[in-house]
Every structure is written in C-alpha cells, then in structure tokens.
Amino acid sequence: QLIGAGPQPRVIDLSGVPNEVAGISSAVIARTLFNLKVWETSEEREKDPVLLVCEEAHRYVPNRGEAQYEAAQESIRRISKEGRKYGVGVLLVSQRPSEVEATVLSQCNSWIVLRLTNDADRNQVKAILPDSMSGLTRMLSGLRRREAIFVGQAATLPSRIIIRDLLPE
C-alpha cells in the first residue's frame, strides 16, 4: 500500500499521534520503504522512485537523543546516507533547522530556506552552506513572506526566489 500502482502521493499523517507512537511508526514506515527498494531490481527502482517527506523533521530526527525517536533517527539517517542509490530520497521540512540532527542535514544537497529570525537556526544553515555562500545567511531574517533562498545541486546558481501561490485547481 505504500508504493506501487494507485493514486500518488500517499500521505500518512502522524500529526495527531503521541510522540511515543509517532517515533516508532515513522521508523517502521521509513525502514519498510528502504527495505522494499533495496530488494527491487535497478529497473524497478528507476521506474518507481520514492520520496519520503518528513514534515516537522525536528520531531522525527531531533539533534538530541530522545529514546522515543531513536529508531526513527536511525531509519531516516540511513535513508539520507544510502537511499539515493536505491531510489529513495528524503525531504526534510522544519521551521527549526537547529533542532534537526546535523548528520541528516549534512546529507541534504539542496536547500530552500525561508525567513529565519532565530540565531541558532541561521547559524545551522550557515554551517551547512559552503564558505562562499555564507553571506546569504545575513539576509535570512529580512526575507518577505513566500521569499526564500534556493541553494545546492538543484539550483543552477544560488538564488533569492519568490514562491508563487498555488492555485486551488
């Protein structure tokens, strides 16, 4: 039910689940997806790649050792390090990058960073960016609504972008 034919994307909403259960649930989902892709042939992987989106990533891969998230941290860390060769990617979404585990963040090769006013969050982003781009972090607290910095392998050049409204249809 997680991958294969049928409507895409598949959303598993863990927002109302208690922390003790959300950690284990997200670990089982991540580990299952990874293991399924490991056992597929390279043709199957190319035909049906998977992107695991972790909304509120600081909840599932926190930078502090919380027992209820140990399994989730391990699973998502493994996908972030090894998943690309098996057709599994991870997209981390967080308003608090300073609270997301540094090992996982260091594996992210593209960033869309919206306004950040917290010094710890800006410093975390600065630490991940190449030295030549560290000046971009100075403008993070002054970005307008829907304005972002786009950097990394997916960006031809580091750019300041506007995210358009998504039409209802």
Protein backbone atom coordinates (compact mmCIF):
# COMPACT_ATOMS: atom_id res chain seq x y z
CA GLN A 1 0.00 0.00 0.00
CA LEU A 2 2.98 2.34 0.48
CA ILE A 3 4.33 2.04 -3.05
CA GLY A 4 3.11 0.70 -6.36
CA ALA A 5 0.08 1.36 -8.53
CA GLY A 6 -2.62 3.71 -7.37
CA PRO A 7 -3.09 7.37 -6.62
CA GLN A 8 0.04 9.35 -5.76
CA PRO A 9 1.23 10.82 -3.48
CA ARG A 10 0.44 8.76 -0.43
CA VAL A 11 0.12 10.71 2.79
CA ILE A 12 0.45 9.16 6.22
CA ASP A 13 -0.48 11.84 8.72
CA LEU A 14 1.18 11.30 12.09
CA SER A 15 0.43 14.79 13.40
CA GLY A 16 -2.15 13.68 15.97
CA VAL A 17 -0.23 10.63 17.10
CA PRO A 18 1.51 10.80 20.51
CA ASN A 19 5.32 11.16 20.38
CA GLU A 20 5.91 7.66 21.75
CA VAL A 21 3.94 6.13 18.87
CA ALA A 22 4.97 8.61 16.14
CA GLY A 23 8.65 7.76 16.54
CA ILE A 24 8.11 4.02 16.16
CA SER A 25 5.53 4.49 13.37
CA SER A 26 7.81 6.73 11.31
CA ALA A 27 10.70 4.29 11.86
CA VAL A 28 8.61 1.36 10.60
CA ILE A 29 7.45 3.33 7.53
CA ALA A 30 10.97 4.54 6.68
CA ARG A 31 12.57 1.14 7.25
CA THR A 32 9.88 -0.65 5.22
CA LEU A 33 10.26 1.73 2.27
CA PHE A 34 14.03 1.42 2.35
CA ASN A 35 13.97 -2.38 2.56
CA LEU A 36 11.43 -2.66 -0.27
CA LYS A 37 13.63 -0.53 -2.52
CA VAL A 38 16.80 -2.46 -1.58
CA TRP A 39 15.22 -5.68 -2.81
CA GLU A 40 13.95 -4.22 -6.10
CA THR A 41 15.86 -4.53 -9.35
CA SER A 42 17.54 -1.40 -10.70
CA GLU A 43 14.85 -1.20 -13.42
CA GLU A 44 12.08 -1.25 -10.80
CA ARG A 45 13.85 1.44 -8.76
CA GLU A 46 14.18 3.72 -11.77
CA LYS A 47 10.55 3.21 -12.74
CA ASP A 48 9.16 3.95 -9.28
CA PRO A 49 11.39 6.18 -7.13
CA VAL A 50 10.20 7.15 -3.64
CA LEU A 51 10.46 10.49 -1.83
CA LEU A 52 9.88 10.33 1.91
CA VAL A 53 8.74 13.75 3.15
CA CYS A 54 9.30 14.43 6.85
CA GLU A 55 7.17 17.43 7.79
CA GLU A 56 8.27 18.82 11.15
CA ALA A 57 11.57 16.94 10.76
CA HIS A 58 12.80 18.19 14.13
CA ARG A 59 10.15 15.90 15.61
CA TYR A 60 11.46 12.72 13.92
CA VAL A 61 15.21 13.36 13.72
CA PRO A 62 15.97 15.68 16.62
CA ASN A 63 19.55 16.70 17.41
CA ARG A 64 19.18 15.35 20.90
CA GLY A 65 18.94 11.71 21.90
CA GLU A 66 15.32 11.04 22.80
CA ALA A 67 14.54 7.36 23.28
CA GLN A 68 11.15 7.52 21.54
CA TYR A 69 12.84 8.76 18.32
CA GLU A 70 15.95 6.59 18.32
CA ALA A 71 14.51 4.12 15.79
CA ALA A 72 13.19 6.92 13.56
CA GLN A 73 16.54 8.73 13.69
CA GLU A 74 18.37 5.57 12.69
CA SER A 75 15.98 4.83 9.80
CA ILE A 76 15.92 8.36 8.37
CA ARG A 77 19.69 8.72 8.87
CA ARG A 78 20.19 5.55 6.82
CA ILE A 79 17.91 6.76 4.03
CA SER A 80 19.67 10.14 3.94
CA LYS A 81 23.08 8.44 3.65
CA GLU A 82 22.32 5.43 1.43
CA GLY A 83 18.85 5.90 -0.04
CA ARG A 84 19.76 7.64 -3.29
CA LYS A 85 21.44 4.54 -4.74
CA TYR A 86 18.24 2.56 -4.07
CA GLY A 87 15.78 5.13 -5.43
CA VAL A 88 14.71 6.55 -2.04
CA GLY A 89 15.07 10.23 -1.26
CA VAL A 90 14.22 12.21 1.83
CA LEU A 91 12.79 15.72 2.01
CA LEU A 92 13.10 17.39 5.40
CA VAL A 93 10.75 20.24 6.30
CA SER A 94 11.33 22.13 9.53
CA GLN A 95 10.91 25.60 10.95
CA ARG A 96 13.79 24.83 13.32
CA PRO A 97 16.85 23.52 11.42
CA SER A 98 18.97 23.91 14.57
CA GLU A 99 16.84 21.19 16.19
CA VAL A 100 17.36 18.66 13.35
CA GLU A 101 20.24 16.20 13.61
CA ALA A 102 23.36 17.57 11.91
CA THR A 103 24.28 14.21 10.31
CA VAL A 104 21.00 14.12 8.42
CA LEU A 105 21.16 17.82 7.47
CA SER A 106 24.67 17.39 6.09
CA GLN A 107 23.32 14.86 3.58
CA CYS A 108 20.88 17.41 2.12
CA ASN A 109 22.31 18.64 -1.17
CA SER A 110 19.68 21.31 -1.92
CA TRP A 111 18.03 23.85 0.36
CA ILE A 112 15.02 26.15 0.16
CA VAL A 113 15.33 28.42 3.19
CA LEU A 114 12.57 30.85 4.09
CA ARG A 115 12.80 33.63 6.68
CA LEU A 116 14.69 32.61 9.80
CA THR A 117 14.91 35.02 12.72
CA ASN A 118 16.39 32.68 15.32
CA ASP A 119 20.20 32.99 15.58
CA ALA A 120 20.68 29.26 16.24
CA ASP A 121 18.71 28.38 13.09
CA ARG A 122 20.63 30.88 10.94
CA ASN A 123 23.94 29.56 12.29
CA GLN A 124 22.88 25.99 11.47
CA VAL A 125 22.13 26.98 7.88
CA LYS A 126 25.40 28.92 7.69
CA ALA A 127 27.33 25.86 8.90
CA ILE A 128 25.85 23.70 6.15
CA LEU A 129 26.44 26.16 3.29
CA PRO A 130 29.80 26.40 1.52
CA ASP A 131 32.01 29.25 2.79
CA SER A 132 31.48 31.18 -0.45
CA MET A 133 27.73 31.39 0.27
CA SER A 134 27.82 32.22 3.99
CA GLY A 135 26.90 35.85 3.19
CA LEU A 136 23.44 34.65 2.13
CA THR A 137 22.59 33.87 5.75
CA ARG A 138 22.72 37.58 6.63
CA MET A 139 19.61 38.21 4.56
CA LEU A 140 17.55 35.34 6.02
CA SER A 141 15.93 37.43 8.75
CA GLY A 142 14.87 40.07 6.21
CA LEU A 143 13.10 37.85 3.70
CA ARG A 144 9.46 38.65 2.97
CA ARG A 145 6.54 36.20 3.02
CA ARG A 146 6.96 33.48 0.36
CA GLU A 147 10.51 34.67 -0.35
CA ALA A 148 13.36 32.16 0.01
CA ILE A 149 17.00 31.42 -0.68
CA PHE A 150 17.47 28.44 -3.03
CA VAL A 151 20.92 26.82 -2.99
CA GLY A 152 22.50 23.47 -3.72
CA GLN A 153 22.75 20.94 -6.52
CA ALA A 154 19.19 21.54 -7.73
CA ALA A 155 19.89 25.28 -8.17
CA THR A 156 21.98 26.38 -11.13
CA LEU A 157 23.06 29.40 -9.11
CA PRO A 158 22.30 30.36 -5.51
CA SER A 159 19.12 32.38 -5.90
CA ARG A 160 16.68 34.51 -3.99
CA ILE A 161 13.26 33.31 -5.14
CA ILE A 162 9.55 34.04 -4.69
CA ILE A 163 7.27 31.07 -4.10
CA ARG A 164 4.06 31.61 -6.03
CA ASP A 165 0.60 30.96 -4.69
CA LEU A 166 -0.73 27.52 -5.53
CA LEU A 167 -3.98 27.74 -7.41
CA PRO A 168 -6.84 25.64 -5.97
CA GLU A 169 -7.14 23.57 -9.13
